[in-house]
Amino acid sequence: MLLNLLVLGLVQLVGQPVDFSLTLIFPLGISATISAILGYGIVPLLRRLKTGQIIQEDGPQAHLTKAGTPTMGGIFFIPVGVIVALVWTNFDPAVIAVSGVTLAYLGIGWIDDWQILRQQSNKGISPWGKLILQIVIAIGFCFWVFQSQPSSITDVTLPGNLILHLGLFFWLIAGFVLVAESNATNLTDGVDGLAAGNGSLAFLGLGVLVGSDNSGLMIFCACLSGGCLGFVVHNRNPAKVFMGDTGSLALGGSLGAVGILSGNLWELFIISGIFFVESLSVIAQVVYYKATKGPDGQGKRLLKMAPLHHHLELSGWAETKIVGTFYLVNAGLAVLAVVLT
């Protein structure tokens, strides 16, 4: 009910008729329902297959109790959203394209998760190997957009109707956004329900923004939002399953792909504010540590632990408080992006 009210509020801000919201609510609800129901069968299966999460010993000590919780949950809620979107839009070309990116990033995440489980360590694909695969997919998607979309796709509109004609520079930004968004979402997936819930809100806001120009991408966003929402049923605290890199890389990749194809890079930056701050906290922590490193090889830390959600945990915040606060901030950012459009 609260999500429906948020949809109605957002579409009214955009100035669309109420019927416009129904095209978001129906596919969202169907995807959420299928994802939630499917989870009751998939989660026990993942447990029987012994896909238990390997918990980092240098992470928050409270997380050690989560060892053995099934991971790779992205293998069911991401495909649910993709399939419902493809069928609902009668295989719209734009939806096929962003679905391809989503499943490709899911594949990278699955390989990484599988390697971690196979080796029973926290080492999956090497960071460079993962990055190269992400870049290759980003290049392929950007090339398709370049070939299939009008040249105006490289124009980015900022608040105040300020238009930046980026030309070829747009493609460098687009490739960076796709890779950065997937990694940012991955970093955010560290507390029960955090990445899935914020992903649902981000897709919802982006769906409202793109709806007036591309109904296919709007449906895709609604379906992925619903898939995330259905997954939260099983991922909320205490989580019965984690999405793993299988889910988090796919979520970020799909958000980036929709933002690029719809020409909403600036709005995507606002909507992804939570993911951006989480990434920035990691970068700031690493840079500050190296900059303050003394003769003993030890540096100082800005945060008790990065990303930000771990710092808040170690500062005494309960997981539910962190998640609830981040949800509220993300919902506010979605509204802000709509208002500024």
Foldseek 3Di string as FASTA:
>chain_A
DVVLVLLQVLLVLLVHDSVLSVLLVVLLQVLLVVLQVVCVVVLVVLLVVQLWDQDDPPFPPVCVVRTSQHEQSLVRLLVSLLVSLCVVVVNDVLSVLLNVLLQQQLVLQVQQSVQCRVVVHNGGPPPVVSLVSLLVSLVVSLVVLVVPDDQCLQWAAFFPRDIDNCRPVSSVVLSCQLSLLLVLLQQQQDFQLQSLLLLLLLLSLLLSVLCVPDVSSSSSSSSSSSSSNSLSVQRHVVHNYGNTSSNSSSSSNSLSSSCSNSSNPVLSCLLCVVSVLQVVQVVVQVVQQVVQQDPVRGGDGPAPDGDPVSSVVVVPDDSVRSRVVSSVSSSVSSSVSSNSD
